Protein backbone atom coordinates (compact mmCIF):
# COMPACT_ATOMS: atom_id res chain seq x y z
CA MET A 1 -13.09 -27.34 2.53
CA ASP A 2 -15.22 -24.42 4.48
CA GLY A 3 -15.03 -22.07 2.26
CA VAL A 4 -12.52 -19.57 4.13
CA GLU A 5 -10.25 -18.24 1.39
CA PRO A 6 -6.90 -19.39 2.50
CA HIS A 7 -4.77 -16.07 1.14
CA ILE A 8 -3.61 -13.33 2.37
CA HIS A 9 -4.45 -9.99 0.81
CA VAL A 10 -4.10 -5.91 -0.25
CA GLY A 11 -6.20 -3.42 0.01
CA SER A 12 -7.91 -1.58 -3.76
CA SER A 13 -6.28 1.65 -1.71
CA VAL A 14 -3.12 -0.08 -1.21
CA THR A 15 -0.85 3.47 -2.46
CA ARG A 16 -3.14 4.75 0.91
CA SER A 17 -2.55 3.58 4.39
CA ASP A 18 -5.38 3.68 6.50
CA ALA A 19 -3.75 3.11 10.04
CA ARG A 20 -1.27 6.50 8.74
CA VAL A 21 -3.86 8.20 9.00
CA ARG A 22 -5.81 5.80 12.39
CA ASN A 23 -1.97 6.58 13.88
CA LEU A 24 -1.72 10.49 13.41
CA LEU A 25 -5.34 11.01 13.80
CA ALA A 26 -4.57 9.26 17.38
CA GLY A 27 -1.71 10.28 18.02
CA THR A 28 -2.52 14.28 17.69
CA PHE A 29 -5.82 14.44 18.95
CA GLY A 30 -6.45 11.71 21.27
CA LEU A 31 -9.24 9.86 18.77
CA VAL A 32 -9.32 6.31 18.22
CA GLY A 33 -11.57 4.98 15.24
CA ASP A 34 -12.49 0.95 15.32
CA LEU A 35 -10.61 -0.90 12.22
CA PRO A 36 -12.85 -2.26 9.64
CA GLU A 37 -14.29 -5.21 9.72
CA THR A 38 -13.70 -6.15 6.02
CA ALA A 39 -11.91 -4.79 3.62
CA VAL A 40 -12.46 -4.73 -0.53
CA THR A 41 -8.81 -6.09 -2.01
CA GLY A 42 -6.71 -5.51 -6.07
CA CYS A 43 -7.59 -9.29 -7.07
CA GLY A 44 -12.11 -7.92 -5.86
CA LEU A 45 -12.99 -9.57 -3.06
CA ARG A 46 -14.34 -8.62 0.65
CA VAL A 47 -12.20 -10.24 2.91
CA PRO A 48 -11.58 -9.67 6.78
CA TYR A 49 -9.97 -6.91 7.56
CA ALA A 50 -7.30 -8.85 9.29
CA MET A 51 -6.88 -11.03 6.05
CA THR A 52 -5.35 -8.28 4.58
CA SER A 53 -1.38 -6.49 4.45
CA PRO A 54 0.18 -2.89 2.42
CA ARG A 55 3.80 -5.10 3.79
CA PRO A 56 5.18 -7.84 0.66
CA GLU A 57 6.23 -9.98 2.61
CA SER A 58 2.74 -11.05 4.00
CA VAL A 59 0.35 -10.80 0.57
CA THR A 60 -0.05 -14.40 -1.21
CA CYS A 61 -2.60 -13.89 -3.03
CA LEU A 62 -0.78 -13.68 -6.69
CA ALA A 63 -3.47 -11.07 -8.36
CA CYS A 64 -3.64 -8.90 -5.57
CA ARG A 65 0.33 -8.75 -5.17
CA GLU A 66 0.65 -7.35 -8.73
CA HIS A 67 -2.25 -5.13 -8.30
CA ALA A 68 -0.49 -3.70 -5.20
CA ARG A 69 2.81 -3.37 -7.56
CA ALA A 70 0.74 -1.59 -10.35
CA ALA A 71 -0.12 0.73 -8.15
CA HIS A 72 2.92 1.56 -5.92
CA LEU A 73 4.36 2.02 -10.12
CA ARG A 74 2.05 4.24 -10.40
CA LEU A 75 2.22 6.82 -7.74
CA ALA A 76 6.03 6.53 -8.55
CA GLU A 77 5.37 8.32 -11.93
CA GLN A 78 2.71 10.55 -10.31
CA MET A 79 4.71 12.05 -7.89
CA GLY A 80 8.20 12.53 -10.04
CA ARG A 81 5.95 14.12 -12.22
CA LEU A 82 4.24 16.20 -9.88
CA GLY A 83 7.24 16.90 -7.91
CA GLY A 84 8.94 19.58 -10.63
CA MET A 85 6.20 21.01 -10.62
CA PRO A 86 6.72 25.49 -10.66
CA GLY A 87 5.98 26.20 -7.41
CA SER A 88 6.36 22.07 -5.86
CA THR A 89 6.78 23.03 -2.23
CA ILE A 90 8.90 19.74 -1.92
CA THR A 91 12.94 19.15 -2.76
CA GLY A 92 13.80 17.36 -5.64
CA ALA A 93 15.50 15.15 -3.11
CA GLN A 94 12.52 14.73 -1.09
CA VAL A 95 11.09 13.61 -4.21
CA ALA A 96 13.31 11.55 -5.56
CA GLU A 97 13.26 9.53 -1.91
CA VAL A 98 9.64 9.11 -2.62
CA VAL A 99 9.43 7.49 -5.66
CA LYS A 100 12.68 5.03 -4.86
CA HIS A 101 10.20 4.06 -1.61
CA HIS A 102 7.86 3.38 -4.26
CA ARG A 103 9.79 1.74 -6.68
CA ASP A 104 11.14 -0.14 -4.48
CA LEU A 105 8.01 -1.46 -2.93
CA ALA A 106 6.63 -2.89 -6.50
CA ARG A 107 9.50 -4.25 -6.52
CA ARG A 108 9.44 -6.25 -3.78
CA PHE A 109 5.46 -7.78 -4.90
CA THR A 110 7.09 -8.30 -7.91
CA ASP A 111 9.90 -10.24 -7.01
CA GLY A 112 7.69 -12.44 -4.47
CA THR A 113 9.27 -12.40 -2.18
CA GLY A 114 9.09 -9.95 -0.12
CA HIS A 115 12.67 -9.08 1.24
CA THR A 116 14.54 -5.62 0.51
CA GLY A 117 17.84 -8.31 0.51
């Protein structure tokens, strides 16, 4: 073997999509930043950015899948608590939608297939 890592990983900050921020800045201000060359993964490796994905159906590293599952479950729990606080500017329906989305992603990372069907 030539030392090339064969797995697709998930970034260590899987619940914060850098691509979404990049697209928002590009669409709003016409600014496009360079993508990083490498990324720290959920399993602790540093790999080329192109070898990472936030999509459950693409991630083949089991440790990264577990990291992503736990991160999405944590975020769902946090959003559920924060959304119900007095003075919250988001509705209960919006909170429920976000919580459902992150729990679904956690399930998709757990089931190993990544498919929602």
